[in-house]
Amino acid sequence: MAKRLEGRPVAAAIVESTAKEVERLKKAGVIPCLAIVRVGDNEGDISYEKSAMKRCENLGIQVAQVDLPADVGQKELLAAIEKIYSDQSIHGCLILRPLPPHIEDGAVRAALKPSKDVDG
C-alpha cells in the first residue's frame, strides 16, 4: 500500500526543533548567526536569500549578508569565506549556487570548513 508523504508536518517539526535550539542557545548567551554569501544579482538567488533571511528572522537567528559582485575574483571570494570562518560570532554559512563560471566551485567548497557549512 502506498503512503503519501506530507512535507508540511516535517517542515513544521524542523522549525519547532530549530526554535527550541535557538532559545536554548540564547539562554546560554549565544546569539545564532548565519552568513549568506551571494555572488551576483541572479533574481532566483536574491529571492532565496530574502526567504532565508525571513526564516532566520522568524526564528531569532541573526543574518550576516555578504553580497559580492558577479565579477568578484576567486581570491576575494575565498578571502570573504575565510573571514566568515574566522569570525566566532558567525555560526553557519550558506553560499548560494551556482557560482559564476570563472569561480572554481571545488575551491569554494574546500574553503568553507564543515563546522560552518550549513548546506554541506
C-alpha atoms as a PDB file:
ATOM      1  CA  MET A   1       0.000   0.000   0.000  1.00  0.00           C
ATOM      2  CA  ALA A   2       1.406   3.391  -0.994  1.00  0.00           C
ATOM      3  CA  LYS A   3       1.826   6.053   1.637  1.00  0.00           C
ATOM      4  CA  ARG A   4       1.541   9.708   0.778  1.00  0.00           C
ATOM      5  CA  LEU A   5       4.427  11.749   2.167  1.00  0.00           C
ATOM      6  CA  GLU A   6       3.460  15.106   3.605  1.00  0.00           C
ATOM      7  CA  GLY A   7       6.115  17.836   3.653  1.00  0.00           C
ATOM      8  CA  ARG A   8       4.324  20.347   5.869  1.00  0.00           C
ATOM      9  CA  PRO A   9       4.429  18.286   9.079  1.00  0.00           C
ATOM     10  CA  VAL A  10       8.117  17.568   8.566  1.00  0.00           C
ATOM     11  CA  ALA A  11       8.863  21.241   7.900  1.00  0.00           C
ATOM     12  CA  ALA A  12       6.846  22.279  10.959  1.00  0.00           C
ATOM     13  CA  ALA A  13       8.752  19.814  13.137  1.00  0.00           C
ATOM     14  CA  ILE A  14      12.083  21.166  11.863  1.00  0.00           C
ATOM     15  CA  VAL A  15      11.012  24.755  12.569  1.00  0.00           C
ATOM     16  CA  GLU A  16       9.842  23.799  16.068  1.00  0.00           C
ATOM     17  CA  SER A  17      13.074  21.959  16.816  1.00  0.00           C
ATOM     18  CA  THR A  18      15.176  24.832  15.486  1.00  0.00           C
ATOM     19  CA  ALA A  19      13.229  27.401  17.507  1.00  0.00           C
ATOM     20  CA  LYS A  20      13.863  25.379  20.682  1.00  0.00           C
ATOM     21  CA  GLU A  21      17.571  25.150  19.902  1.00  0.00           C
ATOM     22  CA  VAL A  22      17.787  28.896  19.208  1.00  0.00           C
ATOM     23  CA  GLU A  23      16.086  29.597  22.538  1.00  0.00           C
ATOM     24  CA  ARG A  24      18.477  27.240  24.341  1.00  0.00           C
ATOM     25  CA  LEU A  25      21.468  28.951  22.756  1.00  0.00           C
ATOM     26  CA  LYS A  26      20.173  32.419  23.634  1.00  0.00           C
ATOM     27  CA  LYS A  27      19.701  31.380  27.259  1.00  0.00           C
ATOM     28  CA  ALA A  28      23.362  30.305  27.196  1.00  0.00           C
ATOM     29  CA  GLY A  29      24.357  33.757  25.896  1.00  0.00           C
ATOM     30  CA  VAL A  30      24.846  32.749  22.261  1.00  0.00           C
ATOM     31  CA  ILE A  31      23.039  34.650  19.505  1.00  0.00           C
ATOM     32  CA  PRO A  32      22.988  32.325  16.476  1.00  0.00           C
ATOM     33  CA  CYS A  33      24.178  33.953  13.265  1.00  0.00           C
ATOM     34  CA  LEU A  34      24.085  32.718   9.680  1.00  0.00           C
ATOM     35  CA  ALA A  35      26.226  34.248   6.942  1.00  0.00           C
ATOM     36  CA  ILE A  36      24.640  34.182   3.497  1.00  0.00           C
ATOM     37  CA  VAL A  37      27.081  34.632   0.620  1.00  0.00           C
ATOM     38  CA  ARG A  38      25.647  35.691  -2.730  1.00  0.00           C
ATOM     39  CA  VAL A  39      27.743  36.367  -5.816  1.00  0.00           C
ATOM     40  CA  GLY A  40      25.998  38.463  -8.447  1.00  0.00           C
ATOM     41  CA  ASP A  41      22.403  39.614  -8.830  1.00  0.00           C
ATOM     42  CA  ASN A  42      20.642  36.469 -10.009  1.00  0.00           C
ATOM     43  CA  GLU A  43      16.930  37.001  -9.281  1.00  0.00           C
ATOM     44  CA  GLY A  44      16.500  33.434  -8.047  1.00  0.00           C
ATOM     45  CA  ASP A  45      19.399  33.827  -5.608  1.00  0.00           C
ATOM     46  CA  ILE A  46      18.046  37.147  -4.351  1.00  0.00           C
ATOM     47  CA  SER A  47      14.616  35.600  -3.805  1.00  0.00           C
ATOM     48  CA  TYR A  48      16.106  32.621  -1.963  1.00  0.00           C
ATOM     49  CA  GLU A  49      18.292  34.935   0.118  1.00  0.00           C
ATOM     50  CA  LYS A  50      15.266  37.028   1.152  1.00  0.00           C
ATOM     51  CA  SER A  51      13.326  33.887   2.034  1.00  0.00           C
ATOM     52  CA  ALA A  52      16.201  32.518   4.134  1.00  0.00           C
ATOM     53  CA  MET A  53      16.559  35.861   5.889  1.00  0.00           C
ATOM     54  CA  LYS A  54      12.850  35.900   6.720  1.00  0.00           C
ATOM     55  CA  ARG A  55      13.016  32.352   8.116  1.00  0.00           C
ATOM     56  CA  CYS A  56      16.012  33.322  10.233  1.00  0.00           C
ATOM     57  CA  GLU A  57      14.286  36.469  11.478  1.00  0.00           C
ATOM     58  CA  ASN A  58      11.224  34.450  12.489  1.00  0.00           C
ATOM     59  CA  LEU A  59      13.453  32.075  14.458  1.00  0.00           C
ATOM     60  CA  GLY A  60      15.575  34.772  16.101  1.00  0.00           C
ATOM     61  CA  ILE A  61      18.694  33.970  14.095  1.00  0.00           C
ATOM     62  CA  GLN A  62      20.853  36.907  13.005  1.00  0.00           C
ATOM     63  CA  VAL A  63      22.000  37.096   9.381  1.00  0.00           C
ATOM     64  CA  ALA A  64      25.273  38.468   8.042  1.00  0.00           C
ATOM     65  CA  GLN A  65      24.789  39.218   4.353  1.00  0.00           C
ATOM     66  CA  VAL A  66      27.818  39.004   2.094  1.00  0.00           C
ATOM     67  CA  ASP A  67      26.725  40.212  -1.337  1.00  0.00           C
ATOM     68  CA  LEU A  68      29.535  40.295  -3.881  1.00  0.00           C
ATOM     69  CA  PRO A  69      29.515  41.479  -7.493  1.00  0.00           C
ATOM     70  CA  ALA A  70      29.280  38.872 -10.254  1.00  0.00           C
ATOM     71  CA  ASP A  71      32.790  39.716 -11.409  1.00  0.00           C
ATOM     72  CA  VAL A  72      34.391  39.201  -7.975  1.00  0.00           C
ATOM     73  CA  GLY A  73      37.697  37.386  -8.218  1.00  0.00           C
ATOM     74  CA  GLN A  74      38.149  33.952  -6.760  1.00  0.00           C
ATOM     75  CA  LYS A  75      40.766  35.252  -4.315  1.00  0.00           C
ATOM     76  CA  GLU A  76      38.342  37.880  -2.992  1.00  0.00           C
ATOM     77  CA  LEU A  77      35.562  35.314  -2.588  1.00  0.00           C
ATOM     78  CA  LEU A  78      37.887  32.912  -0.770  1.00  0.00           C
ATOM     79  CA  ALA A  79      39.041  35.763   1.481  1.00  0.00           C
ATOM     80  CA  ALA A  80      35.403  36.550   2.343  1.00  0.00           C
ATOM     81  CA  ILE A  81      34.830  32.884   3.219  1.00  0.00           C
ATOM     82  CA  GLU A  82      37.966  32.821   5.380  1.00  0.00           C
ATOM     83  CA  LYS A  83      36.750  35.930   7.190  1.00  0.00           C
ATOM     84  CA  ILE A  84      33.416  34.217   7.893  1.00  0.00           C
ATOM     85  CA  TYR A  85      35.210  31.090   9.104  1.00  0.00           C
ATOM     86  CA  SER A  86      37.403  33.156  11.425  1.00  0.00           C
ATOM     87  CA  ASP A  87      34.504  35.192  12.854  1.00  0.00           C
ATOM     88  CA  GLN A  88      33.384  33.445  16.041  1.00  0.00           C
ATOM     89  CA  SER A  89      30.092  35.381  16.066  1.00  0.00           C
ATOM     90  CA  ILE A  90      29.054  33.622  12.826  1.00  0.00           C
ATOM     91  CA  HIS A  91      27.962  30.048  13.428  1.00  0.00           C
ATOM     92  CA  GLY A  92      26.990  28.905   9.951  1.00  0.00           C
ATOM     93  CA  CYS A  93      27.404  29.868   6.323  1.00  0.00           C
ATOM     94  CA  LEU A  94      25.240  29.376   3.251  1.00  0.00           C
ATOM     95  CA  ILE A  95      26.862  30.025  -0.132  1.00  0.00           C
ATOM     96  CA  LEU A  96      24.273  30.476  -2.869  1.00  0.00           C
ATOM     97  CA  ARG A  97      24.973  28.492  -6.004  1.00  0.00           C
ATOM     98  CA  PRO A  98      25.580  28.203  -8.837  1.00  0.00           C
ATOM     99  CA  LEU A  99      28.597  30.457  -8.750  1.00  0.00           C
ATOM    100  CA  PRO A 100      29.725  32.368 -11.840  1.00  0.00           C
ATOM    101  CA  PRO A 101      31.743  30.245 -14.302  1.00  0.00           C
ATOM    102  CA  HIS A 102      35.046  31.986 -13.512  1.00  0.00           C
ATOM    103  CA  ILE A 103      34.859  30.787  -9.880  1.00  0.00           C
ATOM    104  CA  GLU A 104      36.101  27.259  -9.172  1.00  0.00           C
ATOM    105  CA  ASP A 105      33.339  25.672  -7.112  1.00  0.00           C
ATOM    106  CA  GLY A 106      35.646  22.986  -5.717  1.00  0.00           C
ATOM    107  CA  ALA A 107      37.954  25.616  -4.245  1.00  0.00           C
ATOM    108  CA  VAL A 108      34.989  27.366  -2.646  1.00  0.00           C
ATOM    109  CA  ARG A 109      33.687  24.099  -1.165  1.00  0.00           C
ATOM    110  CA  ALA A 110      37.154  23.339   0.214  1.00  0.00           C
ATOM    111  CA  ALA A 111      37.468  26.828   1.727  1.00  0.00           C
ATOM    112  CA  LEU A 112      34.264  26.549   3.740  1.00  0.00           C
ATOM    113  CA  LYS A 113      35.028  24.232   6.623  1.00  0.00           C
ATOM    114  CA  PRO A 114      32.375  21.669   7.592  1.00  0.00           C
ATOM    115  CA  SER A 115      31.928  23.263  11.014  1.00  0.00           C
ATOM    116  CA  LYS A 116      30.190  26.251   9.393  1.00  0.00           C
ATOM    117  CA  ASP A 117      28.812  24.698   6.197  1.00  0.00           C
ATOM    118  CA  VAL A 118      25.027  24.589   6.656  1.00  0.00           C
ATOM    119  CA  ASP A 119      24.426  23.316   3.135  1.00  0.00           C
ATOM    120  CA  GLY A 120      27.084  20.601   3.372  1.00  0.00           C
END
